[in-house]
Amino acid sequence: MNRTVLLTGFEPFDGEPVNPSWEVARSLDGWQLLPGLRVRAVCLPTAFASAPAALRAALDAHHPPLVIALGQATGRAEVAIERVAVNLIDARIADNAGARPQDEPVRADAPAAYFSTLPIKAMVAGLRAAGHPAGLSLSAGAFVCNQVFFELQHALAGCGCRSGFIHLPALPEQVARRALANTPSMALQAQVEAIRLALSLAWAPPAAVAGVEGAPVA
């Protein structure tokens, strides 16, 4: 029986022609993580009103045992594995539908926060050991990325499915296009290879990551 690992990315936003999260996700669409276990990439709208429904449709369609959502974080220099999703929407800019909600909960009937259920420290350690710049992040922001992360953890709470969120740096062409001096970036292929490894590390059985899960990670 074939199973599906769900990997989501976002459509471009804020006037950008591309979004590294979707470029990476679609580059890995169909990749066989293990025999009978393939990656399915889904593009989510960068819009508060429609992103949760699109996420839910993907979860219902594939019933994945592992989900990683990707997002863009311009200004970050590394693959940032998010630790916590907060129950807050506070948009600095408008989404792709023109909405800019502020000081609102993601879900009024939900907890204040959810933690990732990925083996986050093991993933960071494994990525760094392979030469990929990676780190833990304690803030997924308060835009659609955090909303999707929160909705994902809420939908899968208690089911035993591993799930979480990873922020990616901007692509070099995005930085050049906006003439963002001193803004870090990472080439697409480097991001693809980092997420390919992150998926493998996320899927590894608990015994395989137990030795590094408690390792100190700055």
N, C-alpha and C. Protein backbone atom coordinates (compact mmCIF):
# COMPACT_ATOMS: atom_id res chain seq x y z
N MET A 1 0.85 -1.20 0.00
CA MET A 1 0.00 0.00 0.00
C MET A 1 0.88 1.25 0.00
N ASN A 2 0.65 2.11 -0.95
CA ASN A 2 1.41 3.35 -1.03
C ASN A 2 0.92 4.36 0.00
N ARG A 3 1.85 5.07 0.59
CA ARG A 3 1.51 6.13 1.52
C ARG A 3 2.11 7.45 1.02
N THR A 4 1.57 8.55 1.55
CA THR A 4 1.96 9.87 1.09
C THR A 4 2.49 10.71 2.23
N VAL A 5 3.65 11.32 1.99
CA VAL A 5 4.17 12.36 2.87
C VAL A 5 3.75 13.69 2.26
N LEU A 6 3.12 14.53 3.04
CA LEU A 6 2.63 15.80 2.52
C LEU A 6 3.66 16.90 2.76
N LEU A 7 3.99 17.61 1.70
CA LEU A 7 4.92 18.73 1.76
C LEU A 7 4.23 19.93 1.13
N THR A 8 3.96 20.96 1.93
CA THR A 8 3.25 22.11 1.40
C THR A 8 4.18 23.31 1.26
N GLY A 9 3.86 24.16 0.30
CA GLY A 9 4.52 25.44 0.11
C GLY A 9 3.46 26.49 -0.14
N PHE A 10 3.89 27.73 -0.27
CA PHE A 10 2.96 28.83 -0.50
C PHE A 10 3.18 29.45 -1.87
N GLU A 11 2.11 30.01 -2.40
CA GLU A 11 2.22 30.80 -3.62
C GLU A 11 3.00 32.09 -3.31
N PRO A 12 3.56 32.75 -4.34
CA PRO A 12 4.27 34.01 -4.12
C PRO A 12 3.36 35.07 -3.48
N PHE A 13 3.96 35.98 -2.73
CA PHE A 13 3.19 37.04 -2.08
C PHE A 13 4.02 38.32 -2.03
N ASP A 14 3.40 39.40 -1.64
CA ASP A 14 4.06 40.69 -1.48
C ASP A 14 4.77 41.13 -2.76
N GLY A 15 4.14 40.86 -3.90
CA GLY A 15 4.67 41.31 -5.17
C GLY A 15 5.78 40.47 -5.76
N GLU A 16 6.15 39.37 -5.10
CA GLU A 16 7.23 38.52 -5.59
C GLU A 16 6.73 37.60 -6.71
N PRO A 17 7.59 37.30 -7.70
CA PRO A 17 7.18 36.36 -8.75
C PRO A 17 7.33 34.89 -8.35
N VAL A 18 8.11 34.62 -7.30
CA VAL A 18 8.33 33.24 -6.85
C VAL A 18 8.30 33.19 -5.33
N ASN A 19 8.12 31.99 -4.83
CA ASN A 19 8.20 31.74 -3.39
C ASN A 19 9.05 30.48 -3.22
N PRO A 20 10.18 30.57 -2.53
CA PRO A 20 11.05 29.39 -2.42
C PRO A 20 10.36 28.18 -1.80
N SER A 21 9.39 28.42 -0.93
CA SER A 21 8.72 27.29 -0.30
C SER A 21 8.00 26.41 -1.33
N TRP A 22 7.36 27.03 -2.30
CA TRP A 22 6.68 26.24 -3.32
C TRP A 22 7.67 25.69 -4.34
N GLU A 23 8.70 26.46 -4.67
CA GLU A 23 9.70 25.96 -5.61
C GLU A 23 10.36 24.71 -5.06
N VAL A 24 10.66 24.71 -3.79
CA VAL A 24 11.27 23.54 -3.16
C VAL A 24 10.28 22.38 -3.10
N ALA A 25 9.05 22.66 -2.66
CA ALA A 25 8.05 21.60 -2.52
C ALA A 25 7.78 20.92 -3.85
N ARG A 26 7.58 21.71 -4.90
CA ARG A 26 7.25 21.07 -6.17
C ARG A 26 8.44 20.36 -6.79
N SER A 27 9.66 20.78 -6.42
CA SER A 27 10.85 20.06 -6.88
C SER A 27 10.92 18.66 -6.29
N LEU A 28 10.32 18.48 -5.14
CA LEU A 28 10.34 17.18 -4.46
C LEU A 28 9.05 16.38 -4.65
N ASP A 29 8.11 16.92 -5.39
CA ASP A 29 6.85 16.20 -5.64
C ASP A 29 7.14 14.89 -6.36
N GLY A 30 6.65 13.79 -5.81
CA GLY A 30 6.85 12.49 -6.40
C GLY A 30 8.11 11.78 -5.95
N TRP A 31 8.97 12.47 -5.18
CA TRP A 31 10.19 11.83 -4.69
C TRP A 31 9.83 10.69 -3.75
N GLN A 32 10.51 9.56 -3.93
CA GLN A 32 10.25 8.38 -3.10
C GLN A 32 11.17 8.40 -1.90
N LEU A 33 10.59 8.70 -0.77
CA LEU A 33 11.35 8.74 0.48
C LEU A 33 11.80 7.34 0.87
N LEU A 34 10.90 6.39 0.73
CA LEU A 34 11.15 4.97 0.94
C LEU A 34 10.24 4.21 -0.02
N PRO A 35 10.50 2.94 -0.28
CA PRO A 35 9.57 2.18 -1.12
C PRO A 35 8.14 2.26 -0.57
N GLY A 36 7.23 2.69 -1.42
CA GLY A 36 5.84 2.82 -0.99
C GLY A 36 5.53 4.09 -0.25
N LEU A 37 6.50 5.00 -0.16
CA LEU A 37 6.30 6.24 0.58
C LEU A 37 6.80 7.40 -0.29
N ARG A 38 5.88 8.14 -0.86
CA ARG A 38 6.22 9.21 -1.79
C ARG A 38 5.77 10.58 -1.27
N VAL A 39 6.48 11.59 -1.71
CA VAL A 39 6.16 12.96 -1.34
C VAL A 39 5.10 13.52 -2.29
N ARG A 40 4.12 14.15 -1.72
CA ARG A 40 3.11 14.86 -2.51
C ARG A 40 3.19 16.33 -2.13
N ALA A 41 3.44 17.20 -3.10
CA ALA A 41 3.55 18.63 -2.86
C ALA A 41 2.22 19.32 -3.14
N VAL A 42 1.84 20.23 -2.27
CA VAL A 42 0.60 20.99 -2.42
C VAL A 42 0.91 22.46 -2.19
N CYS A 43 0.43 23.31 -3.10
CA CYS A 43 0.62 24.75 -2.97
C CYS A 43 -0.57 25.37 -2.25
N LEU A 44 -0.30 26.08 -1.18
CA LEU A 44 -1.36 26.73 -0.41
C LEU A 44 -1.44 28.21 -0.78
N PRO A 45 -2.64 28.78 -0.74
CA PRO A 45 -2.77 30.22 -0.99
C PRO A 45 -2.21 31.03 0.16
N THR A 46 -1.58 32.13 -0.16
CA THR A 46 -1.09 33.02 0.89
C THR A 46 -2.21 33.99 1.24
N ALA A 47 -3.22 33.42 1.86
CA ALA A 47 -4.43 34.18 2.20
C ALA A 47 -5.06 33.58 3.44
N PHE A 48 -5.33 34.42 4.42
CA PHE A 48 -5.88 33.94 5.68
C PHE A 48 -7.20 33.21 5.51
N ALA A 49 -8.05 33.69 4.60
CA ALA A 49 -9.40 33.13 4.47
C ALA A 49 -9.40 31.75 3.83
N SER A 50 -8.45 31.47 2.95
CA SER A 50 -8.51 30.24 2.18
C SER A 50 -7.42 29.22 2.49
N ALA A 51 -6.35 29.62 3.14
CA ALA A 51 -5.26 28.68 3.43
C ALA A 51 -5.69 27.50 4.31
N PRO A 52 -6.45 27.73 5.40
CA PRO A 52 -6.83 26.60 6.24
C PRO A 52 -7.66 25.55 5.50
N ALA A 53 -8.59 25.97 4.66
CA ALA A 53 -9.42 25.01 3.92
C ALA A 53 -8.58 24.22 2.93
N ALA A 54 -7.62 24.87 2.29
CA ALA A 54 -6.74 24.18 1.35
C ALA A 54 -5.88 23.15 2.08
N LEU A 55 -5.40 23.51 3.26
CA LEU A 55 -4.63 22.57 4.07
C LEU A 55 -5.47 21.38 4.47
N ARG A 56 -6.68 21.65 4.95
CA ARG A 56 -7.57 20.57 5.38
C ARG A 56 -7.90 19.63 4.22
N ALA A 57 -8.13 20.19 3.03
CA ALA A 57 -8.43 19.36 1.87
C ALA A 57 -7.26 18.43 1.55
N ALA A 58 -6.05 18.94 1.68
CA ALA A 58 -4.87 18.11 1.41
C ALA A 58 -4.73 17.00 2.45
N LEU A 59 -4.98 17.34 3.71
CA LEU A 59 -4.92 16.32 4.77
C LEU A 59 -5.98 15.25 4.56
N ASP A 60 -7.18 15.66 4.21
CA ASP A 60 -8.28 14.71 4.00
C ASP A 60 -8.04 13.83 2.78
N ALA A 61 -7.37 14.40 1.77
CA ALA A 61 -7.15 13.66 0.54
C ALA A 61 -6.06 12.60 0.69
N HIS A 62 -5.07 12.88 1.52
CA HIS A 62 -3.90 11.99 1.56
C HIS A 62 -3.70 11.25 2.88
N HIS A 63 -4.30 11.70 3.97
CA HIS A 63 -4.12 11.07 5.29
C HIS A 63 -2.65 10.76 5.54
N PRO A 64 -1.80 11.76 5.48
CA PRO A 64 -0.35 11.50 5.55
C PRO A 64 0.13 11.18 6.97
N PRO A 65 1.12 10.31 7.09
CA PRO A 65 1.73 10.03 8.39
C PRO A 65 2.79 11.06 8.77
N LEU A 66 3.18 11.89 7.80
CA LEU A 66 4.18 12.93 8.04
C LEU A 66 3.81 14.14 7.19
N VAL A 67 3.81 15.32 7.82
CA VAL A 67 3.52 16.56 7.11
C VAL A 67 4.57 17.60 7.49
N ILE A 68 5.16 18.22 6.48
CA ILE A 68 6.02 19.37 6.71
C ILE A 68 5.52 20.50 5.84
N ALA A 69 5.22 21.62 6.48
CA ALA A 69 4.81 22.82 5.76
C ALA A 69 6.02 23.74 5.65
N LEU A 70 6.19 24.32 4.47
CA LEU A 70 7.31 25.22 4.21
C LEU A 70 6.80 26.64 4.00
N GLY A 71 7.63 27.61 4.36
CA GLY A 71 7.29 29.01 4.13
C GLY A 71 8.55 29.82 3.89
N GLN A 72 8.36 31.01 3.36
CA GLN A 72 9.48 31.92 3.08
C GLN A 72 9.67 32.89 4.24
N ALA A 73 10.93 33.10 4.63
CA ALA A 73 11.26 34.08 5.66
C ALA A 73 12.45 34.91 5.18
N THR A 74 12.16 35.97 4.44
CA THR A 74 13.22 36.84 3.94
C THR A 74 13.99 37.43 5.11
N GLY A 75 15.30 37.37 5.02
CA GLY A 75 16.16 37.87 6.08
C GLY A 75 16.82 36.77 6.88
N ARG A 76 16.26 35.57 6.82
CA ARG A 76 16.89 34.46 7.53
C ARG A 76 17.97 33.84 6.65
N ALA A 77 19.03 33.38 7.29
CA ALA A 77 20.18 32.87 6.55
C ALA A 77 20.26 31.35 6.58
N GLU A 78 19.32 30.69 7.22
CA GLU A 78 19.40 29.25 7.39
C GLU A 78 18.03 28.61 7.26
N VAL A 79 18.03 27.31 7.13
CA VAL A 79 16.80 26.53 7.18
C VAL A 79 16.34 26.55 8.63
N ALA A 80 15.22 27.20 8.89
CA ALA A 80 14.77 27.44 10.26
C ALA A 80 13.62 26.51 10.61
N ILE A 81 13.88 25.56 11.47
CA ILE A 81 12.85 24.60 11.88
C ILE A 81 12.10 25.21 13.06
N GLU A 82 10.82 25.43 12.84
CA GLU A 82 10.00 26.12 13.84
C GLU A 82 9.62 25.17 14.97
N ARG A 83 9.65 25.72 16.17
CA ARG A 83 9.34 24.90 17.35
C ARG A 83 7.89 25.07 17.82
N VAL A 84 7.32 26.28 17.66
CA VAL A 84 6.01 26.54 18.25
C VAL A 84 5.16 27.42 17.34
N ALA A 85 3.88 27.07 17.24
CA ALA A 85 2.89 27.88 16.53
C ALA A 85 2.01 28.56 17.56
N VAL A 86 1.82 29.85 17.44
CA VAL A 86 1.02 30.59 18.42
C VAL A 86 -0.36 30.92 17.85
N ASN A 87 -1.30 31.03 18.75
CA ASN A 87 -2.70 31.29 18.36
C ASN A 87 -2.90 32.80 18.16
N LEU A 88 -2.22 33.33 17.15
CA LEU A 88 -2.26 34.76 16.90
C LEU A 88 -2.09 35.06 15.43
N ILE A 89 -2.93 35.96 14.93
CA ILE A 89 -2.76 36.55 13.60
C ILE A 89 -2.57 38.04 13.80
N ASP A 90 -1.46 38.55 13.28
CA ASP A 90 -1.15 39.97 13.40
C ASP A 90 -0.34 40.37 12.17
N ALA A 91 -1.03 40.62 11.08
CA ALA A 91 -0.39 40.79 9.77
C ALA A 91 0.30 42.13 9.64
N ARG A 92 1.59 42.07 9.28
CA ARG A 92 2.36 43.29 9.02
C ARG A 92 2.03 43.86 7.65
N ILE A 93 1.72 42.96 6.69
CA ILE A 93 1.33 43.35 5.34
C ILE A 93 0.03 42.64 4.98
N ALA A 94 -0.59 43.06 3.91
CA ALA A 94 -1.81 42.40 3.45
C ALA A 94 -1.47 41.06 2.80
N ASP A 95 -2.39 40.12 2.92
CA ASP A 95 -2.21 38.84 2.23
C ASP A 95 -2.59 38.99 0.76
N ASN A 96 -2.60 37.90 0.02
CA ASN A 96 -2.87 37.98 -1.42
C ASN A 96 -4.32 38.30 -1.74
N ALA A 97 -5.19 38.25 -0.74
CA ALA A 97 -6.58 38.63 -0.94
C ALA A 97 -6.84 40.05 -0.46
N GLY A 98 -5.79 40.73 -0.02
CA GLY A 98 -5.94 42.11 0.46
C GLY A 98 -6.31 42.24 1.92
N ALA A 99 -6.37 41.12 2.63
CA ALA A 99 -6.76 41.15 4.05
C ALA A 99 -5.53 41.39 4.92
N ARG A 100 -5.73 42.14 5.98
CA ARG A 100 -4.64 42.40 6.93
C ARG A 100 -5.19 42.37 8.36
N PRO A 101 -5.63 41.20 8.80
CA PRO A 101 -6.17 41.10 10.17
C PRO A 101 -5.07 41.31 11.20
N GLN A 102 -5.46 41.90 12.33
CA GLN A 102 -4.49 42.17 13.38
C GLN A 102 -5.07 41.82 14.73
N ASP A 103 -4.21 41.33 15.60
CA ASP A 103 -4.58 41.00 16.98
C ASP A 103 -5.80 40.09 17.06
N GLU A 104 -5.80 39.06 16.20
CA GLU A 104 -6.89 38.09 16.19
C GLU A 104 -6.34 36.69 16.47
N PRO A 105 -7.14 35.82 17.09
CA PRO A 105 -6.69 34.44 17.26
C PRO A 105 -6.80 33.67 15.95
N VAL A 106 -5.97 32.66 15.78
CA VAL A 106 -6.14 31.75 14.66
C VAL A 106 -7.44 30.99 14.85
N ARG A 107 -7.65 30.50 16.08
CA ARG A 107 -8.88 29.80 16.46
C ARG A 107 -9.26 30.22 17.87
N ALA A 108 -10.44 30.78 18.03
CA ALA A 108 -10.86 31.26 19.34
C ALA A 108 -11.04 30.12 20.34
N ASP A 109 -11.29 28.90 19.86
CA ASP A 109 -11.58 27.77 20.74
C ASP A 109 -10.37 26.85 20.92
N ALA A 110 -9.18 27.35 20.61
CA ALA A 110 -7.99 26.50 20.64
C ALA A 110 -7.00 26.99 21.70
N PRO A 111 -6.01 26.16 22.01
CA PRO A 111 -4.98 26.57 23.00
C PRO A 111 -4.18 27.77 22.52
N ALA A 112 -3.38 28.32 23.41
CA ALA A 112 -2.55 29.48 23.08
C ALA A 112 -1.43 29.12 22.10
N ALA A 113 -1.01 27.86 22.10
CA ALA A 113 0.09 27.46 21.23
C ALA A 113 0.10 25.94 21.05
N TYR A 114 0.76 25.52 19.99
CA TYR A 114 1.04 24.10 19.75
C TYR A 114 2.53 23.97 19.45
N PHE A 115 3.12 22.86 19.88
CA PHE A 115 4.50 22.57 19.54
C PHE A 115 4.57 21.66 18.31
N SER A 116 5.66 21.77 17.59
CA SER A 116 5.95 20.85 16.50
C SER A 116 6.05 19.43 17.06
N THR A 117 5.64 18.46 16.27
CA THR A 117 5.81 17.06 16.66
C THR A 117 6.90 16.39 15.83
N LEU A 118 7.69 17.19 15.13
CA LEU A 118 8.86 16.67 14.43
C LEU A 118 10.01 16.48 15.42
N PRO A 119 10.96 15.62 15.11
CA PRO A 119 12.16 15.49 15.95
C PRO A 119 13.11 16.65 15.64
N ILE A 120 12.76 17.84 16.11
CA ILE A 120 13.36 19.07 15.62
C ILE A 120 14.86 19.18 15.90
N LYS A 121 15.30 18.79 17.08
CA LYS A 121 16.74 18.90 17.39
C LYS A 121 17.55 17.90 16.58
N ALA A 122 17.02 16.72 16.39
CA ALA A 122 17.70 15.73 15.56
C ALA A 122 17.78 16.20 14.12
N MET A 123 16.75 16.86 13.66
CA MET A 123 16.75 17.37 12.29
C MET A 123 17.80 18.47 12.11
N VAL A 124 17.87 19.38 13.07
CA VAL A 124 18.87 20.44 12.99
C VAL A 124 20.28 19.85 13.04
N ALA A 125 20.50 18.92 13.96
CA ALA A 125 21.82 18.30 14.07
C ALA A 125 22.20 17.56 12.80
N GLY A 126 21.24 16.84 12.22
CA GLY A 126 21.51 16.10 11.00
C GLY A 126 21.79 17.00 9.81
N LEU A 127 21.04 18.08 9.71
CA LEU A 127 21.27 19.04 8.63
C LEU A 127 22.64 19.69 8.76
N ARG A 128 22.98 20.10 9.97
CA ARG A 128 24.29 20.73 10.19
C ARG A 128 25.42 19.76 9.90
N ALA A 129 25.27 18.51 10.30
CA ALA A 129 26.30 17.51 10.07
C ALA A 129 26.55 17.30 8.58
N ALA A 130 25.51 17.51 7.78
CA ALA A 130 25.62 17.35 6.33
C ALA A 130 26.06 18.64 5.64
N GLY A 131 26.32 19.68 6.42
CA GLY A 131 26.81 20.92 5.85
C GLY A 131 25.76 21.95 5.48
N HIS A 132 24.51 21.71 5.88
CA HIS A 132 23.44 22.67 5.59
C HIS A 132 23.29 23.66 6.74
N PRO A 133 23.23 24.96 6.47
CA PRO A 133 22.95 25.91 7.55
C PRO A 133 21.53 25.71 8.07
N ALA A 134 21.41 25.43 9.35
CA ALA A 134 20.10 25.11 9.92
C ALA A 134 20.07 25.51 11.38
N GLY A 135 18.88 25.79 11.88
CA GLY A 135 18.73 26.14 13.28
C GLY A 135 17.29 26.04 13.73
N LEU A 136 17.10 26.10 15.04
CA LEU A 136 15.76 26.12 15.61
C LEU A 136 15.26 27.56 15.67
N SER A 137 13.97 27.73 15.48
CA SER A 137 13.35 29.05 15.60
C SER A 137 12.20 28.96 16.59
N LEU A 138 12.09 29.99 17.41
CA LEU A 138 11.00 30.04 18.39
C LEU A 138 9.87 30.96 17.95
N SER A 139 9.93 31.47 16.73
CA SER A 139 8.86 32.32 16.24
C SER A 139 8.61 32.09 14.76
N ALA A 140 7.40 31.63 14.45
CA ALA A 140 6.99 31.47 13.06
C ALA A 140 6.27 32.72 12.57
N GLY A 141 6.38 33.81 13.34
CA GLY A 141 5.73 35.06 12.96
C GLY A 141 4.25 35.07 13.33
N ALA A 142 3.51 35.93 12.65
CA ALA A 142 2.07 36.02 12.90
C ALA A 142 1.32 36.23 11.60
N PHE A 143 1.95 35.78 10.49
CA PHE A 143 1.33 35.91 9.17
C PHE A 143 0.71 34.56 8.79
N VAL A 144 0.51 34.30 7.51
CA VAL A 144 -0.17 33.08 7.08
C VAL A 144 0.67 31.84 7.38
N CYS A 145 2.00 31.96 7.40
CA CYS A 145 2.84 30.82 7.76
C CYS A 145 2.49 30.29 9.15
N ASN A 146 2.45 31.16 10.12
CA ASN A 146 2.11 30.75 11.48
C ASN A 146 0.68 30.22 11.55
N GLN A 147 -0.24 30.85 10.81
CA GLN A 147 -1.62 30.38 10.80
C GLN A 147 -1.69 28.93 10.31
N VAL A 148 -1.01 28.64 9.20
CA VAL A 148 -1.03 27.28 8.66
C VAL A 148 -0.36 26.30 9.62
N PHE A 149 0.76 26.70 10.22
CA PHE A 149 1.43 25.87 11.21
C PHE A 149 0.49 25.55 12.36
N PHE A 150 -0.21 26.55 12.87
CA PHE A 150 -1.14 26.34 13.97
C PHE A 150 -2.29 25.43 13.55
N GLU A 151 -2.87 25.70 12.39
CA GLU A 151 -3.99 24.88 11.91
C GLU A 151 -3.55 23.44 11.69
N LEU A 152 -2.34 23.24 11.21
CA LEU A 152 -1.81 21.90 10.99
C LEU A 152 -1.70 21.14 12.30
N GLN A 153 -1.10 21.77 13.30
CA GLN A 153 -0.93 21.09 14.59
C GLN A 153 -2.28 20.87 15.28
N HIS A 154 -3.20 21.80 15.10
CA HIS A 154 -4.54 21.64 15.67
C HIS A 154 -5.26 20.46 15.03
N ALA A 155 -5.17 20.36 13.71
CA ALA A 155 -5.87 19.29 12.99
C ALA A 155 -5.33 17.92 13.33
N LEU A 156 -4.03 17.83 13.61
CA LEU A 156 -3.39 16.53 13.83
C LEU A 156 -3.08 16.24 15.30
N ALA A 157 -3.53 17.10 16.19
CA ALA A 157 -3.22 16.93 17.61
C ALA A 157 -3.69 15.56 18.11
N GLY A 158 -2.77 14.83 18.71
CA GLY A 158 -3.11 13.55 19.33
C GLY A 158 -3.20 12.37 18.39
N CYS A 159 -2.95 12.57 17.10
CA CYS A 159 -3.14 11.46 16.15
C CYS A 159 -1.88 10.63 15.94
N GLY A 160 -0.74 11.09 16.46
CA GLY A 160 0.49 10.34 16.29
C GLY A 160 1.24 10.66 15.02
N CYS A 161 0.70 11.54 14.21
CA CYS A 161 1.35 11.96 12.97
C CYS A 161 2.42 13.00 13.28
N ARG A 162 3.59 12.88 12.68
CA ARG A 162 4.61 13.90 12.85
C ARG A 162 4.33 15.06 11.90
N SER A 163 4.38 16.27 12.44
CA SER A 163 4.07 17.43 11.61
C SER A 163 4.75 18.67 12.17
N GLY A 164 5.03 19.61 11.27
CA GLY A 164 5.65 20.84 11.71
C GLY A 164 5.91 21.77 10.54
N PHE A 165 6.67 22.82 10.81
CA PHE A 165 6.87 23.90 9.84
C PHE A 165 8.35 24.26 9.74
N ILE A 166 8.79 24.56 8.52
CA ILE A 166 10.16 24.99 8.27
C ILE A 166 10.14 26.26 7.43
N HIS A 167 10.85 27.28 7.90
CA HIS A 167 11.00 28.51 7.12
C HIS A 167 12.29 28.44 6.30
N LEU A 168 12.22 28.96 5.08
CA LEU A 168 13.34 28.95 4.16
C LEU A 168 13.80 30.37 3.84
N PRO A 169 15.09 30.56 3.58
CA PRO A 169 15.58 31.88 3.18
C PRO A 169 15.04 32.28 1.81
N ALA A 170 15.19 33.54 1.48
CA ALA A 170 14.87 34.01 0.13
C ALA A 170 15.85 33.41 -0.86
N LEU A 171 15.44 33.38 -2.13
CA LEU A 171 16.32 32.95 -3.20
C LEU A 171 17.21 34.11 -3.63
N PRO A 172 18.39 33.83 -4.17
CA PRO A 172 19.28 34.91 -4.61
C PRO A 172 18.62 35.87 -5.59
N GLU A 173 17.79 35.35 -6.50
CA GLU A 173 17.14 36.23 -7.48
C GLU A 173 16.12 37.16 -6.83
N GLN A 174 15.52 36.74 -5.72
CA GLN A 174 14.61 37.63 -5.02
C GLN A 174 15.36 38.78 -4.37
N VAL A 175 16.48 38.47 -3.77
CA VAL A 175 17.29 39.51 -3.13
C VAL A 175 17.82 40.49 -4.17
N ALA A 176 18.28 39.95 -5.32
CA ALA A 176 18.80 40.81 -6.38
C ALA A 176 17.70 41.68 -6.97
N ARG A 177 16.53 41.11 -7.15
CA ARG A 177 15.43 41.85 -7.76
C ARG A 177 15.04 43.06 -6.93
N ARG A 178 15.07 42.91 -5.62
CA ARG A 178 14.67 44.00 -4.73
C ARG A 178 15.87 44.81 -4.22
N ALA A 179 17.04 44.47 -4.72
CA ALA A 179 18.26 45.18 -4.31
C ALA A 179 18.36 45.28 -2.79
N LEU A 180 18.18 44.11 -2.14
CA LEU A 180 18.21 44.05 -0.68
C LEU A 180 19.65 43.82 -0.22
N ALA A 181 20.37 44.89 -0.05
CA ALA A 181 21.77 44.79 0.34
C ALA A 181 21.92 44.10 1.69
N ASN A 182 22.91 43.22 1.78
CA ASN A 182 23.25 42.50 3.02
C ASN A 182 22.16 41.55 3.48
N THR A 183 21.21 41.21 2.60
CA THR A 183 20.17 40.25 2.95
C THR A 183 20.62 38.85 2.54
N PRO A 184 20.63 37.90 3.45
CA PRO A 184 21.09 36.55 3.10
C PRO A 184 20.12 35.85 2.15
N SER A 185 20.64 34.89 1.43
CA SER A 185 19.81 34.10 0.52
C SER A 185 20.41 32.70 0.42
N MET A 186 19.69 31.81 -0.23
CA MET A 186 20.16 30.45 -0.43
C MET A 186 19.65 29.96 -1.77
N ALA A 187 20.52 29.36 -2.56
CA ALA A 187 20.15 28.87 -3.89
C ALA A 187 19.09 27.77 -3.78
N LEU A 188 18.26 27.69 -4.81
CA LEU A 188 17.16 26.74 -4.81
C LEU A 188 17.65 25.31 -4.61
N GLN A 189 18.67 24.89 -5.36
CA GLN A 189 19.12 23.50 -5.25
C GLN A 189 19.62 23.17 -3.85
N ALA A 190 20.27 24.14 -3.20
CA ALA A 190 20.72 23.92 -1.83
C ALA A 190 19.53 23.75 -0.89
N GLN A 191 18.48 24.51 -1.12
CA GLN A 191 17.27 24.38 -0.31
C GLN A 191 16.59 23.04 -0.55
N VAL A 192 16.53 22.62 -1.81
CA VAL A 192 15.92 21.34 -2.14
C VAL A 192 16.65 20.20 -1.44
N GLU A 193 17.96 20.21 -1.50
CA GLU A 193 18.72 19.13 -0.87
C GLU A 193 18.58 19.15 0.65
N ALA A 194 18.49 20.34 1.23
CA ALA A 194 18.30 20.44 2.68
C ALA A 194 16.95 19.87 3.09
N ILE A 195 15.91 20.17 2.35
CA ILE A 195 14.58 19.67 2.70
C ILE A 195 14.45 18.19 2.38
N ARG A 196 15.14 17.72 1.37
CA ARG A 196 15.15 16.28 1.10
C ARG A 196 15.71 15.53 2.33
N LEU A 197 16.81 16.05 2.86
CA LEU A 197 17.39 15.43 4.06
C LEU A 197 16.48 15.62 5.26
N ALA A 198 15.87 16.80 5.39
CA ALA A 198 14.96 17.06 6.52
C ALA A 198 13.80 16.06 6.53
N LEU A 199 13.28 15.74 5.36
CA LEU A 199 12.20 14.75 5.28
C LEU A 199 12.67 13.39 5.76
N SER A 200 13.86 12.99 5.36
CA SER A 200 14.39 11.70 5.79
C SER A 200 14.61 11.67 7.30
N LEU A 201 15.14 12.76 7.84
CA LEU A 201 15.36 12.85 9.28
C LEU A 201 14.03 12.86 10.05
N ALA A 202 13.04 13.53 9.49
CA ALA A 202 11.73 13.60 10.15
C ALA A 202 11.05 12.25 10.18
N TRP A 203 11.32 11.41 9.17
CA TRP A 203 10.67 10.11 9.09
C TRP A 203 11.38 9.05 9.92
N ALA A 204 12.64 9.30 10.25
CA ALA A 204 13.43 8.29 10.96
C ALA A 204 12.72 7.82 12.22
N PRO A 205 12.78 6.54 12.53
CA PRO A 205 12.12 6.03 13.74
C PRO A 205 12.71 6.66 14.98
N PRO A 206 11.93 6.72 16.06
CA PRO A 206 12.40 7.37 17.30
C PRO A 206 13.76 6.86 17.78
N ALA A 207 13.99 5.56 17.68
CA ALA A 207 15.26 5.01 18.16
C ALA A 207 16.45 5.56 17.39
N ALA A 208 16.23 5.90 16.12
CA ALA A 208 17.32 6.38 15.28
C ALA A 208 17.71 7.81 15.61
N VAL A 209 16.78 8.57 16.17
CA VAL A 209 17.08 9.98 16.46
C VAL A 209 17.26 10.23 17.95
N ALA A 210 17.06 9.21 18.78
CA ALA A 210 17.12 9.41 20.22
C ALA A 210 18.47 9.94 20.67
N GLY A 211 19.54 9.49 20.01
CA GLY A 211 20.87 9.90 20.43
C GLY A 211 21.19 11.35 20.19
N VAL A 212 20.52 11.97 19.21
CA VAL A 212 20.81 13.38 18.90
C VAL A 212 19.67 14.30 19.29
N GLU A 213 18.54 13.76 19.64
CA GLU A 213 17.39 14.63 19.95
C GLU A 213 17.68 15.51 21.16
N GLY A 214 18.49 15.03 22.08
CA GLY A 214 18.79 15.84 23.25
C GLY A 214 20.07 16.64 23.13
N ALA A 215 20.69 16.60 21.96
CA ALA A 215 21.94 17.32 21.78
C ALA A 215 21.69 18.83 21.83
N PRO A 216 22.62 19.60 22.39
CA PRO A 216 22.42 21.04 22.44
C PRO A 216 22.41 21.64 21.05
N VAL A 217 21.42 22.47 20.79
CA VAL A 217 21.28 23.15 19.51
C VAL A 217 21.02 24.61 19.79
N ALA A 218 21.91 25.48 19.34
CA ALA A 218 21.74 26.91 19.59
C ALA A 218 20.70 27.49 18.66
